Amino acid sequence: MEKAPLLLSIETATEICSVCLSRGSIILAEQEAVDSYQHIEAITILIRETMDEAAIPLSAIDAIVISEGPGSYTALRVGAATAKGICYALDKPLIAVSTLKSLAWRMQTNSKDGFFIPMIDARRMEVFAALYNSKLEEIEKPFALIVTEETMEAYSSVTKPVFYGGSGAAKCKETLGEGFVFKEVQCNANNLVSLGIEKYKKKEFVDLAYFSPFYLKPPNITVSKKKL
């Protein structure tokens, strides 16, 4: 019988950084940052504390699973750089999982049927979103959306429930009408485990030399008006 993979999962797409270690579908240890947007300071500490909690050396992992985005530009870069560095040093494969699909996976675990719209906050009334069915098949690819009653009307006429959740979902509560069901879910490293196992079994690894996160949109860069 094939041994279940030992996976280190890293989630840095949104404001909270988290890490978990799993053997197959069993979570052995996990850690989450206390403060928002502390990825640079926290990520290596969280990894060390996770491995210490499980009493397993980092060299024993079979692969790293990373949340590939969309999400915060800087946070995703930190996660990718850290994961790639460990994989290079230990000669381990890297698995990239869509952040939105991992949210949809978490949303559909307790829902038998319907459509799922995971949302990640992209500032103001904009969100990064995608549409999945109950089999986690992608119906609409990830897109940037300004949330208004008009933009969500297309989803209100379907006969099955439409679930929405994630860090961008809270701003939609007052905008969306009947037919939408809010799911209290957030990005977390443990959301990556099941999808990571599927990719590990299929050997769907990314090329470390060429991998970069899926940003969806370019970073918001403010140019100083002061003369140099």
Protein backbone atom coordinates (compact mmCIF):
# COMPACT_ATOMS: atom_id res chain seq x y z
CA MET A 1 0.00 0.00 0.00
CA GLU A 2 1.36 3.39 -1.01
CA LYS A 3 2.28 5.64 1.89
CA ALA A 4 0.28 8.87 2.21
CA PRO A 5 2.39 11.93 1.32
CA LEU A 6 3.75 14.24 4.00
CA LEU A 7 2.89 17.72 2.74
CA LEU A 8 3.80 21.16 4.05
CA SER A 9 1.10 23.64 2.98
CA ILE A 10 1.67 27.40 2.96
CA GLU A 11 -1.08 30.02 2.61
CA THR A 12 -0.02 33.66 2.09
CA ALA A 13 -2.57 34.98 -0.41
CA THR A 14 -4.44 37.25 2.01
CA GLU A 15 -3.74 39.22 5.17
CA ILE A 16 -3.16 36.21 7.43
CA CYS A 17 -0.27 33.81 6.88
CA SER A 18 -0.76 30.16 7.87
CA VAL A 19 1.12 26.87 7.60
CA CYS A 20 0.11 23.25 8.14
CA LEU A 21 1.71 19.82 7.97
CA SER A 22 -0.38 16.84 6.88
CA ARG A 23 0.02 13.12 6.35
CA GLY A 24 -2.55 12.33 3.72
CA SER A 25 -5.77 14.05 4.82
CA ILE A 26 -4.74 14.11 8.50
CA ILE A 27 -3.49 17.45 9.83
CA LEU A 28 -0.49 16.80 12.06
CA ALA A 29 0.24 20.40 13.06
CA GLU A 30 -0.66 23.92 12.00
CA GLN A 31 0.21 27.49 12.86
CA GLU A 32 -1.33 30.85 11.96
CA ALA A 33 0.08 34.36 12.31
CA VAL A 34 -1.52 36.50 14.99
CA ASP A 35 -1.20 39.83 13.17
CA SER A 36 -2.24 40.83 9.65
CA TYR A 37 0.30 41.31 6.85
CA GLN A 38 3.26 40.00 8.85
CA HIS A 39 4.25 37.43 6.23
CA ILE A 40 7.92 38.39 5.96
CA GLU A 41 8.42 38.30 9.71
CA ALA A 42 6.20 35.31 10.43
CA ILE A 43 6.44 32.72 7.68
CA THR A 44 9.74 31.02 8.58
CA ILE A 45 8.80 31.07 12.26
CA LEU A 46 5.44 29.45 11.51
CA ILE A 47 7.12 26.74 9.44
CA ARG A 48 9.62 25.98 12.21
CA GLU A 49 6.91 25.92 14.89
CA THR A 50 4.73 23.63 12.75
CA MET A 51 7.54 21.13 12.24
CA ASP A 52 8.49 21.32 15.94
CA GLU A 53 4.87 20.71 16.97
CA ALA A 54 4.78 17.55 14.85
CA ALA A 55 8.33 16.56 15.92
CA ILE A 56 9.23 15.93 12.28
CA PRO A 57 12.29 17.38 10.50
CA LEU A 58 11.68 19.62 7.49
CA SER A 59 13.80 17.31 5.36
CA ALA A 60 11.18 14.54 5.80
CA ILE A 61 8.43 16.27 3.80
CA ASP A 62 7.50 14.88 0.39
CA ALA A 63 6.45 18.21 -1.15
CA ILE A 64 5.34 21.76 -0.45
CA VAL A 65 1.85 22.94 -1.41
CA ILE A 66 1.51 26.67 -1.95
CA SER A 67 -1.53 28.88 -2.44
CA GLU A 68 -0.76 30.43 -5.84
CA GLY A 69 -3.25 33.32 -5.86
CA PRO A 70 -4.91 35.53 -6.75
CA GLY A 71 -4.44 37.72 -3.71
CA SER A 72 -2.05 40.23 -2.20
CA TYR A 73 0.88 40.85 -4.55
CA THR A 74 3.53 41.21 -1.83
CA ALA A 75 2.15 38.40 0.33
CA LEU A 76 2.08 35.96 -2.61
CA ARG A 77 5.69 36.85 -3.51
CA VAL A 78 6.81 36.14 0.06
CA GLY A 79 5.09 32.75 0.06
CA ALA A 80 6.46 31.77 -3.34
CA ALA A 81 10.02 32.82 -2.51
CA THR A 82 9.99 30.91 0.78
CA ALA A 83 8.50 27.74 -0.72
CA LYS A 84 10.86 27.77 -3.70
CA GLY A 85 13.86 28.31 -1.44
CA ILE A 86 12.99 25.29 0.70
CA CYS A 87 12.26 23.14 -2.34
CA TYR A 88 15.60 24.06 -3.94
CA ALA A 89 17.50 23.39 -0.72
CA LEU A 90 15.83 20.03 0.00
CA ASP A 91 15.26 18.95 -3.62
CA LYS A 92 11.53 18.62 -3.06
CA PRO A 93 8.68 19.24 -5.56
CA LEU A 94 6.40 22.27 -5.38
CA ILE A 95 2.64 22.04 -5.89
CA ALA A 96 0.59 25.16 -6.68
CA VAL A 97 -3.10 25.27 -5.79
CA SER A 98 -5.53 28.00 -6.82
CA THR A 99 -6.42 30.12 -3.80
CA LEU A 100 -9.99 30.52 -5.04
CA LYS A 101 -10.43 26.81 -5.72
CA SER A 102 -9.16 25.98 -2.22
CA LEU A 103 -11.80 28.34 -0.81
CA ALA A 104 -14.47 26.71 -2.99
CA TRP A 105 -13.34 23.30 -1.68
CA ARG A 106 -13.85 24.48 1.89
CA MET A 107 -17.25 25.99 1.00
CA GLN A 108 -18.60 22.82 -0.61
CA THR A 109 -17.56 20.35 2.11
CA ASN A 110 -20.87 20.79 3.96
CA SER A 111 -23.06 21.60 0.94
CA LYS A 112 -24.37 18.85 -1.33
CA ASP A 113 -25.29 20.90 -4.38
CA GLY A 114 -25.17 24.40 -5.80
CA PHE A 115 -22.68 26.89 -7.18
CA PHE A 116 -19.79 28.43 -5.28
CA ILE A 117 -18.30 31.90 -5.65
CA PRO A 118 -15.18 32.26 -3.52
CA MET A 119 -14.16 35.90 -3.09
CA ILE A 120 -10.89 37.51 -2.04
CA ASP A 121 -10.83 41.14 -0.96
CA ALA A 122 -9.11 43.36 -3.54
CA ARG A 123 -9.74 46.71 -1.78
CA ARG A 124 -12.72 49.05 -1.94
CA MET A 125 -15.69 47.22 -3.51
CA GLU A 126 -13.54 45.04 -5.75
CA VAL A 127 -13.01 41.32 -5.24
CA PHE A 128 -11.17 38.50 -6.98
CA ALA A 129 -13.69 35.75 -7.66
CA ALA A 130 -14.41 32.60 -9.66
CA LEU A 131 -17.39 30.29 -10.13
CA TYR A 132 -17.37 26.54 -9.38
CA ASN A 133 -20.02 23.84 -9.38
CA SER A 134 -20.46 21.23 -6.63
CA LYS A 135 -17.83 19.01 -8.30
CA LEU A 136 -15.32 21.87 -8.07
CA GLU A 137 -15.34 22.22 -11.82
CA GLU A 138 -14.44 25.74 -12.89
CA ILE A 139 -17.43 27.38 -14.56
CA GLU A 140 -15.88 30.85 -14.73
CA LYS A 141 -12.15 31.49 -14.53
CA PRO A 142 -10.83 33.88 -11.85
CA PHE A 143 -11.81 37.47 -12.54
CA ALA A 144 -11.76 40.87 -10.87
CA LEU A 145 -15.24 42.14 -10.00
CA ILE A 146 -16.66 45.42 -8.74
CA VAL A 147 -19.49 44.28 -6.46
CA THR A 148 -22.84 45.91 -7.23
CA GLU A 149 -26.39 44.60 -7.45
CA GLU A 150 -26.13 44.75 -11.25
CA THR A 151 -22.91 42.73 -11.53
CA MET A 152 -24.34 39.88 -9.45
CA GLU A 153 -27.73 39.70 -11.21
CA ALA A 154 -26.46 37.08 -13.63
CA TYR A 155 -26.11 34.59 -10.77
CA SER A 156 -29.47 35.27 -9.12
CA SER A 157 -31.61 33.47 -11.71
CA VAL A 158 -30.08 29.99 -11.34
CA THR A 159 -32.25 27.29 -9.80
CA LYS A 160 -29.59 25.94 -7.44
CA PRO A 161 -28.27 27.82 -4.39
CA VAL A 162 -25.35 30.18 -4.96
CA PHE A 163 -22.88 30.16 -2.08
CA TYR A 164 -20.33 32.90 -1.59
CA GLY A 165 -17.58 33.30 0.98
CA GLY A 166 -14.02 34.39 1.68
CA SER A 167 -12.37 37.65 2.70
CA GLY A 168 -14.18 39.58 -0.03
CA ALA A 169 -17.62 38.23 0.76
CA ALA A 170 -18.46 40.39 3.78
CA LYS A 171 -18.69 43.53 1.65
CA CYS A 172 -21.30 41.80 -0.53
CA LYS A 173 -23.86 41.02 2.16
CA GLU A 174 -25.83 44.25 1.77
CA THR A 175 -25.57 44.18 -2.02
CA LEU A 176 -26.74 40.64 -2.71
CA GLY A 177 -30.40 39.70 -2.52
CA GLU A 178 -32.22 36.43 -1.98
CA GLY A 179 -30.80 33.30 -3.57
CA PHE A 180 -27.28 33.91 -2.26
CA VAL A 181 -26.05 31.99 0.79
CA PHE A 182 -23.11 33.36 2.77
CA LYS A 183 -20.48 30.84 3.93
CA GLU A 184 -18.11 31.84 6.74
CA VAL A 185 -14.79 30.69 5.27
CA GLN A 186 -11.34 32.23 5.08
CA CYS A 187 -8.06 31.35 3.40
CA ASN A 188 -6.09 28.86 5.49
CA ALA A 189 -3.30 26.42 4.75
CA ASN A 190 -5.49 23.44 5.70
CA ASN A 191 -7.76 24.27 2.73
CA LEU A 192 -4.89 23.32 0.41
CA VAL A 193 -4.39 19.77 1.66
CA SER A 194 -7.01 17.82 -0.29
CA LEU A 195 -6.28 19.53 -3.61
CA GLY A 196 -2.56 19.21 -2.91
CA ILE A 197 -2.89 15.44 -2.45
CA GLU A 198 -4.69 15.13 -5.79
CA LYS A 199 -1.90 16.98 -7.57
CA TYR A 200 0.81 15.04 -5.74
CA LYS A 201 -0.67 11.71 -6.86
CA LYS A 202 -0.78 12.98 -10.45
CA LYS A 203 2.75 14.43 -10.12
CA GLU A 204 1.45 17.85 -11.13
CA PHE A 205 4.47 19.78 -9.92
CA VAL A 206 5.47 23.28 -11.02
CA ASP A 207 8.84 24.20 -12.50
CA LEU A 208 10.78 25.91 -9.71
CA ALA A 209 12.79 27.98 -12.17
CA TYR A 210 9.76 29.50 -13.87
CA PHE A 211 6.97 29.45 -11.29
CA SER A 212 5.49 32.75 -10.18
CA PRO A 213 2.21 33.40 -8.34
CA PHE A 214 -1.02 34.13 -10.18
CA TYR A 215 -1.59 37.81 -9.40
CA LEU A 216 -4.57 38.33 -11.79
CA LYS A 217 -3.89 42.09 -11.71
CA PRO A 218 -0.65 44.09 -11.53
CA PRO A 219 0.34 45.54 -8.15
CA ASN A 220 -1.06 48.87 -6.98
CA ILE A 221 2.07 51.05 -7.08
CA THR A 222 1.92 54.64 -5.90
CA VAL A 223 4.43 56.91 -7.63
CA SER A 224 5.84 59.73 -5.52
CA LYS A 225 5.17 63.22 -6.85
CA LYS A 226 8.29 64.59 -5.17
CA LYS A 227 11.15 65.58 -7.43
CA LEU A 228 14.21 63.39 -7.17
